[in-house]
N, C-alpha and C. Protein backbone atom coordinates (compact mmCIF):
# COMPACT_ATOMS: atom_id res chain seq x y z
N UNK A 1 0.32 -0.89 -0.18
CA UNK A 1 0.45 0.15 -0.33
C UNK A 1 1.29 0.71 -0.01
N UNK A 2 2.26 0.72 1.02
CA UNK A 2 2.60 2.61 0.81
C UNK A 2 3.24 3.00 0.00
N UNK A 3 4.12 1.52 -1.52
CA UNK A 3 4.05 2.28 -2.32
C UNK A 3 3.65 2.23 -3.41
N UNK A 4 1.73 1.86 -3.71
CA UNK A 4 1.08 2.28 -4.09
C UNK A 4 0.97 3.28 -4.40
N UNK A 5 -0.15 3.78 -2.63
CA UNK A 5 0.05 5.29 -2.18
C UNK A 5 0.73 6.24 -3.53
N UNK A 6 2.03 5.72 -2.38
CA UNK A 6 3.68 6.34 -2.95
C UNK A 6 3.92 6.04 -4.41
N UNK A 7 4.34 5.83 -4.84
CA UNK A 7 5.06 5.78 -6.10
C UNK A 7 6.27 6.24 -6.54
N UNK A 8 6.13 7.73 -5.76
CA UNK A 8 7.47 8.49 -6.48
C UNK A 8 8.61 8.52 -4.78
N UNK A 9 7.80 7.84 -3.69
CA UNK A 9 8.96 7.54 -3.24
C UNK A 9 10.09 6.94 -3.13
N UNK A 10 10.72 6.98 -3.46
CA UNK A 10 12.85 6.36 -3.28
C UNK A 10 12.41 4.73 -2.27
N UNK A 11 12.99 4.06 -3.24
CA UNK A 11 12.88 2.35 -2.49
C UNK A 11 14.36 2.39 -2.71
N UNK A 12 14.83 2.20 -0.93
CA UNK A 12 16.17 0.97 -0.76
C UNK A 12 16.24 -0.55 0.36
N UNK A 13 16.89 -0.72 -0.50
CA UNK A 13 17.68 -2.29 0.26
C UNK A 13 18.68 -2.06 1.43
N UNK A 14 17.80 -2.29 2.31
CA UNK A 14 18.07 -2.30 3.47
C UNK A 14 18.68 -3.48 4.73
N UNK A 15 19.42 -3.51 4.99
CA UNK A 15 20.06 -4.83 5.90
C UNK A 15 18.13 -4.58 7.63
N UNK A 16 18.43 -5.72 8.00
CA UNK A 16 17.51 -6.00 8.72
C UNK A 16 18.50 -4.66 10.02
N UNK A 17 19.05 -4.14 10.82
CA UNK A 17 19.83 -3.10 11.48
C UNK A 17 19.06 -1.72 10.70
N UNK A 18 19.49 -1.65 9.78
CA UNK A 18 18.78 -0.51 9.60
C UNK A 18 17.21 -0.72 9.37
N UNK A 19 16.31 -1.15 9.25
CA UNK A 19 15.05 -1.64 9.03
C UNK A 19 14.62 -0.95 10.81
N UNK A 20 15.44 -1.88 11.42
CA UNK A 20 15.12 -2.02 13.34
C UNK A 20 15.27 -0.31 13.74
N UNK A 21 16.93 0.31 12.87
CA UNK A 21 17.07 1.40 13.55
C UNK A 21 15.61 2.24 12.70
N UNK A 22 15.18 2.56 12.36
CA UNK A 22 13.99 2.99 11.34
C UNK A 22 13.17 2.62 12.18
N UNK A 23 12.27 1.64 12.16
CA UNK A 23 11.08 1.36 13.10
C UNK A 23 11.69 1.52 14.35
N UNK A 24 12.44 1.87 15.10
CA UNK A 24 12.81 2.27 16.21
C UNK A 24 13.27 3.57 16.33
N UNK A 25 12.76 4.63 15.70
CA UNK A 25 12.82 6.10 15.52
C UNK A 25 11.26 6.26 15.30
N UNK A 26 10.92 6.24 14.50
CA UNK A 26 9.35 6.44 14.68
C UNK A 26 8.48 5.01 15.54
N UNK A 27 8.66 4.48 15.88
CA UNK A 27 8.44 4.00 17.48
C UNK A 27 8.45 5.40 18.89
N UNK A 28 9.61 5.63 18.62
CA UNK A 28 10.84 6.75 19.59
C UNK A 28 9.42 7.61 19.64
N UNK A 29 9.54 8.42 18.53
CA UNK A 29 9.06 9.58 17.48
C UNK A 29 7.86 9.35 17.69
N UNK A 30 7.25 8.74 17.54
CA UNK A 30 5.56 8.50 18.36
C UNK A 30 5.56 8.53 19.66
N UNK A 31 5.74 8.52 20.55
CA UNK A 31 6.43 7.71 22.06
C UNK A 31 6.22 9.17 22.78
N UNK A 32 6.90 9.98 21.27
CA UNK A 32 7.92 10.87 22.08
C UNK A 32 7.38 11.82 22.47
N UNK A 33 6.04 12.14 21.22
CA UNK A 33 5.46 13.87 20.14
C UNK A 33 4.19 13.29 20.03
N UNK A 34 3.86 12.45 19.74
CA UNK A 34 2.50 11.69 19.03
C UNK A 34 0.75 11.66 19.41
N UNK A 35 1.30 12.42 20.87
CA UNK A 35 -0.38 12.46 22.00
C UNK A 35 -0.94 10.79 22.42
N UNK A 36 -1.87 10.21 21.43
CA UNK A 36 -2.74 9.31 20.90
C UNK A 36 -3.23 8.32 20.19
N UNK A 37 -1.42 7.93 19.64
CA UNK A 37 -1.80 7.59 18.49
C UNK A 37 -2.18 6.16 17.76
N UNK A 38 -2.70 6.49 16.53
CA UNK A 38 -3.23 5.39 16.25
C UNK A 38 -1.80 4.28 15.59
N UNK A 39 -1.31 2.89 16.66
CA UNK A 39 0.25 2.04 16.10
C UNK A 39 -0.19 1.03 15.27
N UNK A 40 0.35 0.71 14.18
CA UNK A 40 0.06 -0.70 13.54
C UNK A 40 1.83 -1.15 13.45
N UNK A 41 1.93 -2.87 13.22
CA UNK A 41 3.27 -2.56 12.82
C UNK A 41 2.86 -4.70 12.69
N UNK A 42 4.06 -4.71 11.36
CA UNK A 42 4.21 -5.62 11.43
C UNK A 42 5.62 -7.33 11.33
N UNK A 43 5.26 -7.79 12.52
CA UNK A 43 6.32 -8.67 12.94
C UNK A 43 6.93 -9.96 11.56
N UNK A 44 5.86 -10.26 11.02
CA UNK A 44 5.80 -11.32 10.40
C UNK A 44 5.41 -12.74 10.28
N UNK A 45 6.86 -13.47 12.09
CA UNK A 45 6.18 -13.99 13.31
C UNK A 45 6.04 -14.10 14.26
N UNK A 46 5.06 -14.21 14.81
CA UNK A 46 4.86 -14.51 16.35
C UNK A 46 6.25 -14.81 16.96
N UNK A 47 7.53 -15.52 16.50
CA UNK A 47 8.88 -15.18 17.19
C UNK A 47 9.22 -13.66 17.33
N UNK A 48 9.56 -12.43 16.78
CA UNK A 48 9.50 -11.68 16.36
C UNK A 48 9.02 -10.67 17.14
N UNK A 49 7.80 -10.64 17.40
CA UNK A 49 7.08 -10.07 18.24
C UNK A 49 7.17 -9.99 19.41
N UNK A 50 7.55 -11.50 19.86
CA UNK A 50 7.41 -11.90 21.29
C UNK A 50 9.35 -11.03 22.15
N UNK A 51 9.80 -11.11 21.47
CA UNK A 51 11.25 -10.42 21.25
C UNK A 51 10.97 -9.04 21.57
N UNK A 52 9.99 -8.07 20.89
CA UNK A 52 9.91 -7.57 20.77
C UNK A 52 8.95 -6.74 21.69
N UNK A 53 7.73 -7.88 22.33
CA UNK A 53 6.88 -7.20 22.77
C UNK A 53 6.36 -6.01 24.05
N UNK A 54 7.23 -6.18 25.52
CA UNK A 54 7.73 -5.85 26.45
C UNK A 54 7.86 -4.26 25.23
N UNK A 55 8.34 -3.76 24.60
CA UNK A 55 8.89 -2.32 23.56
C UNK A 55 7.00 -2.05 23.58
N UNK A 56 6.09 -3.16 22.99
CA UNK A 56 4.71 -2.40 22.16
C UNK A 56 3.85 -2.71 23.20
N UNK A 57 3.82 -3.48 24.86
CA UNK A 57 3.34 -2.98 25.17
C UNK A 57 2.71 -1.16 26.19
N UNK A 58 4.21 -0.90 25.89
CA UNK A 58 4.51 0.58 27.28
C UNK A 58 4.25 1.23 25.43
N UNK A 59 4.47 1.22 24.62
CA UNK A 59 3.66 1.35 23.20
C UNK A 59 2.26 1.73 23.39
N UNK A 60 2.12 0.66 23.67
CA UNK A 60 -0.07 1.05 23.63
C UNK A 60 -1.17 1.41 25.07
N UNK A 61 0.39 1.53 25.97
CA UNK A 61 0.50 2.17 26.92
C UNK A 61 -0.56 2.97 26.79
N UNK A 62 0.09 4.21 25.93
CA UNK A 62 -0.13 5.55 25.60
C UNK A 62 -0.88 6.44 23.76
N UNK A 63 -1.08 4.32 23.66
CA UNK A 63 -2.18 5.12 22.25
C UNK A 63 -3.34 4.58 22.26
N UNK A 64 -3.99 5.87 20.54
CA UNK A 64 -5.43 5.32 20.85
C UNK A 64 -5.64 4.29 20.77
N UNK A 65 -5.05 3.15 19.95
CA UNK A 65 -5.29 1.58 19.59
C UNK A 65 -3.26 1.38 19.10
N UNK A 66 -3.33 0.20 18.92
CA UNK A 66 -2.40 -0.98 19.13
C UNK A 66 -3.05 -1.80 17.85
N UNK A 67 -2.12 -2.34 16.44
CA UNK A 67 -2.32 -3.33 16.51
C UNK A 67 -0.79 -4.14 15.82
N UNK A 68 -0.74 -5.77 16.03
CA UNK A 68 0.16 -5.94 15.62
C UNK A 68 -0.08 -6.83 14.63
N UNK A 69 0.67 -7.22 13.55
CA UNK A 69 0.36 -8.41 12.86
C UNK A 69 1.99 -9.37 12.58
N UNK A 70 1.02 -11.16 12.80
CA UNK A 70 2.12 -11.45 12.77
C UNK A 70 0.86 -13.73 12.11
N UNK A 71 2.30 -14.10 12.57
CA UNK A 71 1.26 -15.14 12.08
C UNK A 71 0.93 -16.07 13.40
N UNK A 72 0.01 -14.47 14.14
CA UNK A 72 0.09 -15.59 15.32
C UNK A 72 -1.39 -16.43 15.63
N UNK A 73 -1.33 -17.08 16.91
CA UNK A 73 -2.59 -18.61 16.50
C UNK A 73 -2.91 -18.71 18.00
N UNK A 74 -4.42 -17.88 18.71
CA UNK A 74 -5.28 -18.53 17.64
C UNK A 74 -5.51 -16.68 16.74
N UNK A 75 -6.45 -16.35 16.08
CA UNK A 75 -6.82 -14.99 15.31
C UNK A 75 -7.49 -13.75 16.27
N UNK A 76 -7.16 -12.52 16.38
CA UNK A 76 -7.61 -12.55 16.56
C UNK A 76 -7.32 -11.19 18.28
N UNK A 77 -6.22 -12.16 19.25
CA UNK A 77 -6.66 -11.90 20.63
C UNK A 77 -6.20 -10.99 21.10
N UNK A 78 -7.65 -9.99 21.54
CA UNK A 78 -7.69 -9.19 22.64
C UNK A 78 -5.93 -9.11 23.70
N UNK A 79 -5.60 -8.49 24.02
CA UNK A 79 -4.63 -8.28 25.05
C UNK A 79 -5.66 -8.60 26.62
N UNK A 80 -5.02 -9.19 27.58
CA UNK A 80 -5.56 -9.16 29.24
C UNK A 80 -5.61 -8.55 29.32
N UNK A 81 -4.38 -7.82 29.39
CA UNK A 81 -4.50 -6.56 29.89
C UNK A 81 -4.31 -5.42 29.13
N UNK A 82 -4.06 -4.16 28.94
CA UNK A 82 -3.83 -3.39 28.52
C UNK A 82 -2.12 -3.08 27.39
N UNK A 83 -3.03 -3.52 25.94
CA UNK A 83 -1.58 -4.07 25.45
C UNK A 83 -2.20 -4.32 23.47
N UNK A 84 -1.31 -4.22 23.40
CA UNK A 84 -1.25 -4.43 21.48
C UNK A 84 -2.51 -4.91 20.95
N UNK A 85 -3.00 -5.18 19.88
CA UNK A 85 -4.64 -6.34 19.54
C UNK A 85 -3.63 -7.34 19.09
N UNK A 86 -3.13 -8.30 18.45
CA UNK A 86 -2.37 -9.06 18.35
C UNK A 86 -3.16 -10.14 16.44
N UNK A 87 -2.62 -10.17 15.35
CA UNK A 87 -4.25 -10.09 14.57
C UNK A 87 -3.21 -10.76 13.67
N UNK A 88 -4.01 -12.21 14.15
CA UNK A 88 -2.95 -12.90 13.12
C UNK A 88 -2.86 -13.22 11.35
N UNK A 89 -2.50 -13.33 11.30
CA UNK A 89 -1.85 -13.86 9.55
C UNK A 89 -2.13 -15.11 8.82
N UNK A 90 -3.41 -15.13 8.28
CA UNK A 90 -3.79 -16.47 7.98
C UNK A 90 -2.00 -17.09 6.32
N UNK A 91 -1.68 -18.03 6.68
CA UNK A 91 -0.12 -18.73 5.55
C UNK A 91 -0.39 -17.69 4.26
N UNK A 92 -1.37 -17.74 3.58
CA UNK A 92 -0.82 -17.48 2.71
C UNK A 92 -0.55 -15.67 2.44
N UNK A 93 -1.14 -14.55 2.97
CA UNK A 93 -1.44 -13.67 3.14
C UNK A 93 0.16 -12.89 3.42
N UNK A 94 -0.22 -12.02 2.02
CA UNK A 94 1.42 -10.90 1.76
C UNK A 94 2.30 -10.34 3.25
N UNK A 95 0.83 -9.95 3.87
CA UNK A 95 2.14 -9.06 5.39
C UNK A 95 2.79 -10.23 5.49
N UNK A 96 2.96 -11.71 5.37
CA UNK A 96 3.99 -12.47 6.58
C UNK A 96 4.94 -11.69 5.79
N UNK A 97 5.13 -11.07 4.72
CA UNK A 97 6.49 -10.99 4.54
C UNK A 97 6.82 -9.71 4.27
N UNK A 98 6.45 -8.42 5.05
CA UNK A 98 6.50 -6.74 5.09
C UNK A 98 6.98 -7.31 6.70
N UNK A 99 8.57 -6.43 6.86
CA UNK A 99 8.34 -5.83 8.13
C UNK A 99 7.24 -4.26 7.90
N UNK A 100 6.79 -3.26 8.87
CA UNK A 100 6.09 -2.72 8.86
C UNK A 100 6.10 -1.54 10.01
N UNK A 101 6.36 -0.42 10.17
CA UNK A 101 5.70 -0.04 11.18
C UNK A 101 5.18 1.25 10.33
N UNK A 102 3.79 1.94 11.45
CA UNK A 102 3.08 3.41 11.27
C UNK A 102 2.35 3.60 12.00
N UNK A 103 3.19 5.72 12.51
CA UNK A 103 2.51 5.99 13.34
C UNK A 103 1.20 6.78 13.03
N UNK A 104 0.14 7.47 13.31
CA UNK A 104 -1.07 7.93 13.11
C UNK A 104 -0.73 8.98 14.03
N UNK A 105 -0.12 10.34 14.52
CA UNK A 105 -0.33 10.86 15.88
C UNK A 105 -0.44 12.25 14.98
N UNK A 106 -1.36 12.83 15.71
CA UNK A 106 -0.76 14.55 15.57
C UNK A 106 0.85 15.29 16.34
N UNK A 107 1.27 14.86 16.98
CA UNK A 107 2.54 15.67 16.83
C UNK A 107 3.36 14.52 15.99
N UNK A 108 2.52 13.28 15.00
CA UNK A 108 3.90 12.18 13.54
C UNK A 108 2.96 11.44 13.52
N UNK A 109 3.25 11.31 12.11
CA UNK A 109 3.01 10.89 10.66
C UNK A 109 3.76 10.31 9.65
N UNK A 110 4.43 8.84 10.24
CA UNK A 110 5.42 8.75 9.44
C UNK A 110 4.46 6.72 9.34
N UNK A 111 5.41 5.86 8.44
CA UNK A 111 5.32 5.07 7.98
C UNK A 111 6.50 4.30 7.33
N UNK A 112 7.39 3.06 8.11
CA UNK A 112 8.08 2.51 7.05
C UNK A 112 7.89 1.15 6.78
N UNK A 113 7.79 0.70 5.25
CA UNK A 113 7.67 -0.65 4.92
C UNK A 113 8.35 -1.17 4.12
N UNK A 114 8.96 -2.67 4.16
CA UNK A 114 9.02 -3.52 4.13
C UNK A 114 9.36 -4.78 4.09
N UNK A 115 9.91 -4.64 1.80
CA UNK A 115 9.25 -6.33 1.68
C UNK A 115 10.77 -7.77 2.37
N UNK A 116 10.44 -8.49 2.51
CA UNK A 116 11.76 -9.15 3.27
C UNK A 116 12.09 -9.96 1.25
N UNK A 117 13.77 -9.69 1.55
CA UNK A 117 14.02 -10.65 -0.01
C UNK A 117 14.41 -11.94 0.60
N UNK A 118 13.13 -12.81 -1.03
CA UNK A 118 14.06 -14.37 -0.58
C UNK A 118 15.56 -14.26 -0.80
N UNK A 119 16.15 -14.51 0.26
CA UNK A 119 18.07 -14.31 0.16
C UNK A 119 18.54 -15.80 0.89
N UNK A 120 19.14 -16.70 -0.13
CA UNK A 120 19.85 -17.89 0.71
C UNK A 120 21.03 -17.33 1.83
N UNK A 121 20.91 -17.97 2.09
CA UNK A 121 22.42 -17.78 3.35
C UNK A 121 21.25 -17.99 4.85
N UNK A 122 22.84 -16.96 5.76
CA UNK A 122 22.51 -16.83 6.73
C UNK A 122 21.01 -15.89 7.01
N UNK A 123 20.85 -16.14 8.84
CA UNK A 123 19.06 -15.99 8.78
C UNK A 123 19.40 -13.60 9.23
N UNK A 124 21.15 -14.30 9.35
CA UNK A 124 21.56 -12.88 9.46
C UNK A 124 21.81 -11.73 9.00
N UNK A 125 21.63 -12.59 7.40
CA UNK A 125 21.53 -11.69 6.64
C UNK A 125 20.75 -10.94 5.72
N UNK A 126 19.28 -10.87 7.02
CA UNK A 126 18.24 -11.01 5.93
C UNK A 126 18.47 -9.02 5.50
N UNK A 127 17.25 -9.63 3.80
CA UNK A 127 17.29 -7.99 3.26
C UNK A 127 16.27 -7.78 3.05
N UNK A 128 15.69 -5.98 2.97
CA UNK A 128 14.71 -5.74 2.72
C UNK A 128 14.46 -4.26 1.97
N UNK A 129 13.59 -4.81 0.84
CA UNK A 129 13.69 -3.29 -0.35
C UNK A 129 12.33 -2.05 0.19
N UNK A 130 12.35 -1.21 1.22
CA UNK A 130 11.89 -0.58 1.75
C UNK A 130 12.17 0.79 0.90
N UNK A 131 10.42 1.20 1.98
CA UNK A 131 10.57 2.52 1.98
C UNK A 131 9.61 3.32 2.69
N UNK A 132 10.29 4.60 3.78
CA UNK A 132 9.39 5.29 4.18
C UNK A 132 8.82 6.65 4.02
N UNK A 133 7.71 7.40 4.77
CA UNK A 133 7.56 8.02 4.91
C UNK A 133 6.96 9.25 5.83
N UNK A 134 6.58 10.82 5.50
CA UNK A 134 5.68 11.54 6.90
C UNK A 134 4.88 11.88 6.07
N UNK A 135 4.07 11.38 5.38
CA UNK A 135 2.88 12.31 4.47
C UNK A 135 1.57 12.12 5.25
N UNK A 136 1.40 12.87 6.44
CA UNK A 136 -0.40 12.42 6.67
C UNK A 136 -1.05 11.97 5.76
N UNK A 137 -1.54 11.87 4.24
CA UNK A 137 -2.11 11.79 3.53
C UNK A 137 -2.42 9.69 3.95
N UNK A 138 -0.40 9.66 3.38
CA UNK A 138 -0.15 8.92 2.87
C UNK A 138 -0.62 7.70 4.26
N UNK A 139 -0.05 7.92 5.20
CA UNK A 139 0.46 7.52 6.37
C UNK A 139 -1.11 6.84 6.91
N UNK A 140 -2.22 8.18 6.74
CA UNK A 140 -3.63 8.28 7.02
C UNK A 140 -4.45 6.17 5.77
N UNK A 141 -4.10 6.78 5.20
CA UNK A 141 -4.44 5.29 3.76
C UNK A 141 -3.97 4.03 4.55
N UNK A 142 -2.66 3.75 5.00
CA UNK A 142 -2.04 2.99 5.59
C UNK A 142 -2.99 2.70 6.60
N UNK A 143 -2.72 3.22 7.47
CA UNK A 143 -3.72 2.89 8.81
C UNK A 143 -4.84 2.22 8.71
N UNK A 144 -5.27 2.96 7.93
CA UNK A 144 -6.91 2.60 6.73
C UNK A 144 -7.16 1.46 6.75
N UNK A 145 -5.92 1.05 5.67
CA UNK A 145 -5.81 -0.60 5.81
C UNK A 145 -5.22 -1.18 6.86
N UNK A 146 -4.51 -1.02 7.13
CA UNK A 146 -4.48 -1.79 8.69
C UNK A 146 -5.84 -1.88 9.20
N UNK A 147 -6.02 -1.50 9.28
CA UNK A 147 -7.89 -1.49 9.76
C UNK A 147 -8.33 -2.46 9.16
N UNK A 148 -8.53 -2.72 8.17
CA UNK A 148 -9.17 -3.03 7.16
C UNK A 148 -8.93 -4.50 7.23
N UNK A 149 -7.86 -4.72 6.91
CA UNK A 149 -7.20 -6.27 7.27
C UNK A 149 -7.52 -6.54 8.11
N UNK A 150 -7.46 -6.13 9.36
CA UNK A 150 -7.33 -7.02 11.11
C UNK A 150 -9.06 -6.80 11.05
N UNK A 151 -9.98 -5.84 10.24
CA UNK A 151 -10.88 -6.29 9.81
C UNK A 151 -11.71 -7.23 9.40
N UNK A 152 -10.45 -8.12 8.26
CA UNK A 152 -10.35 -8.98 7.52
C UNK A 152 -10.73 -10.72 8.58
N UNK A 153 -8.75 -10.34 8.73
CA UNK A 153 -8.23 -11.52 9.93
C UNK A 153 -8.97 -12.04 10.89
N UNK A 154 -9.48 -10.88 12.18
CA UNK A 154 -9.31 -11.10 12.91
C UNK A 154 -11.47 -9.54 13.37
N UNK A 155 -11.99 -10.28 13.05
CA UNK A 155 -13.34 -10.21 12.84
C UNK A 155 -14.04 -9.69 13.93
N UNK A 156 -13.61 -10.11 15.05
CA UNK A 156 -13.79 -10.60 16.45
C UNK A 156 -13.72 -9.33 17.60
N UNK A 157 -12.84 -8.92 17.39
CA UNK A 157 -11.81 -7.36 17.40
C UNK A 157 -12.67 -6.08 17.49
N UNK A 158 -13.20 -5.04 18.34
CA UNK A 158 -13.48 -4.98 18.21
C UNK A 158 -12.57 -2.97 18.46
N UNK A 159 -12.26 -3.39 16.42
CA UNK A 159 -11.70 -2.13 16.19
C UNK A 159 -12.26 -0.68 16.29
N UNK A 160 -11.04 0.32 16.09
CA UNK A 160 -12.10 1.95 15.90
C UNK A 160 -11.72 1.74 14.53
N UNK A 161 -12.84 2.92 14.23
CA UNK A 161 -12.74 3.00 13.12
C UNK A 161 -12.29 4.29 12.23
N UNK A 162 -11.65 3.40 10.46
CA UNK A 162 -9.80 4.65 10.41
C UNK A 162 -10.50 6.60 9.95
N UNK A 163 -10.45 6.88 10.75
CA UNK A 163 -10.02 8.37 9.78
C UNK A 163 -10.39 8.16 8.54
N UNK A 164 -11.49 9.06 7.75
CA UNK A 164 -10.79 8.79 5.66
C UNK A 164 -10.44 10.05 5.58
N UNK A 165 -10.50 11.20 6.66
CA UNK A 165 -10.08 12.16 6.25
C UNK A 165 -8.70 12.52 7.14
N UNK A 166 -7.30 12.86 6.59
CA UNK A 166 -5.61 12.49 6.87
C UNK A 166 -5.88 13.98 7.29
N UNK A 167 -4.41 13.49 8.09
CA UNK A 167 -4.60 15.39 9.55
C UNK A 167 -4.09 16.42 8.07
N UNK A 168 -5.11 17.20 8.77
CA UNK A 168 -3.49 19.01 8.39
C UNK A 168 -2.68 19.13 9.45
N UNK A 169 -1.84 19.89 7.97
CA UNK A 169 -0.52 20.37 9.75
C UNK A 169 0.24 21.84 8.63
N UNK A 170 0.72 21.98 9.47
CA UNK A 170 1.23 23.35 8.42
C UNK A 170 2.05 22.78 8.47
N UNK A 171 2.55 23.36 6.99
CA UNK A 171 4.01 23.16 6.03
C UNK A 171 5.15 22.91 6.99
N UNK A 172 5.15 24.00 7.75
CA UNK A 172 6.29 24.21 9.01
C UNK A 172 6.89 23.45 9.75
N UNK A 173 5.36 23.07 11.35
CA UNK A 173 5.80 22.17 11.32
C UNK A 173 5.65 20.62 11.07
N UNK A 174 5.40 20.13 9.66
CA UNK A 174 5.65 19.17 8.79
C UNK A 174 7.10 18.84 9.16
N UNK A 175 7.29 20.52 7.90
CA UNK A 175 9.25 20.45 7.81
C UNK A 175 10.12 20.12 9.61
N UNK A 176 9.28 20.19 10.09
CA UNK A 176 9.64 20.26 11.63
C UNK A 176 9.92 18.89 12.65
N UNK A 177 8.56 18.35 12.08
CA UNK A 177 8.80 16.95 12.59
C UNK A 177 9.31 15.67 11.78
N UNK A 178 8.94 16.15 10.12
CA UNK A 178 10.38 14.73 10.10
C UNK A 178 11.39 15.51 9.94
N UNK A 179 11.94 16.50 10.37
CA UNK A 179 13.84 16.50 10.35
C UNK A 179 13.46 15.92 12.41
N UNK A 180 13.22 16.09 12.83
CA UNK A 180 13.28 14.92 14.26
C UNK A 180 13.08 13.70 13.67
N UNK A 181 12.67 12.88 13.27
CA UNK A 181 12.08 12.10 13.49
C UNK A 181 13.77 11.40 12.67
N UNK A 182 14.10 12.21 11.32
CA UNK A 182 15.11 12.02 10.32
C UNK A 182 16.26 12.31 10.93
N UNK A 183 16.88 12.49 12.53
CA UNK A 183 17.60 13.06 12.79
C UNK A 183 17.95 12.21 13.84
N UNK A 184 16.72 11.32 14.36
CA UNK A 184 16.22 9.92 15.36
C UNK A 184 16.58 9.27 14.60
N UNK A 185 16.55 9.29 13.39
CA UNK A 185 17.49 8.20 12.30
C UNK A 185 18.22 7.93 11.87
N UNK A 186 18.88 9.45 12.32
CA UNK A 186 20.97 9.15 11.74
C UNK A 186 21.21 8.56 12.79
N UNK A 187 20.59 9.09 13.69
CA UNK A 187 21.40 8.28 15.51
C UNK A 187 21.44 7.14 15.43
N UNK A 188 19.86 6.66 15.95
CA UNK A 188 19.92 5.14 15.70
C UNK A 188 21.07 4.46 15.34
N UNK A 189 21.17 4.76 13.04
CA UNK A 189 22.20 4.12 12.23
C UNK A 189 23.44 4.64 13.02
N UNK A 190 23.70 4.87 14.10
CA UNK A 190 24.90 5.23 14.32
C UNK A 190 25.56 3.58 16.26
N UNK A 191 24.42 3.69 16.47
CA UNK A 191 24.79 2.59 18.04
C UNK A 191 24.81 1.27 17.72
């Protein structure tokens, strides 16, 4: 959806550490500035989500809603305590190859999406064809798509309705937010 909605976005081949740095930067920027955002993320496997679960439970604590997608079972489990909605992906879902994170909030709109390239060899050499954006209209579309897919894959969940209108931002504010996120990404790449 990110590529379809933003065909002009640059696409890069990124390593797992770079994807992680960008993801963490978006997550932390959301926690620092987004108020009560709607957060969505794709982890591919349950194991990868469980490694990040404490972090995502903390992010969910102050979000309007948080959805995480992976090959969970059973489908559509709502957390027993405040936390993300876990949306199980069926075996044939294209999202099982995707790593994505999106924040749709008043102080931060950002999304990263990458599909994992089939590479022979070590799992530590994972590589993704990825793009990211801070465009509010594109992020709103991605969030609406995630909510729609969650409704299909986990119809029992009581999810918020997507807001059909993207956030409007003063261009100076949008530039400051994008610059802050870009600076956070650069600093996380050097860790």
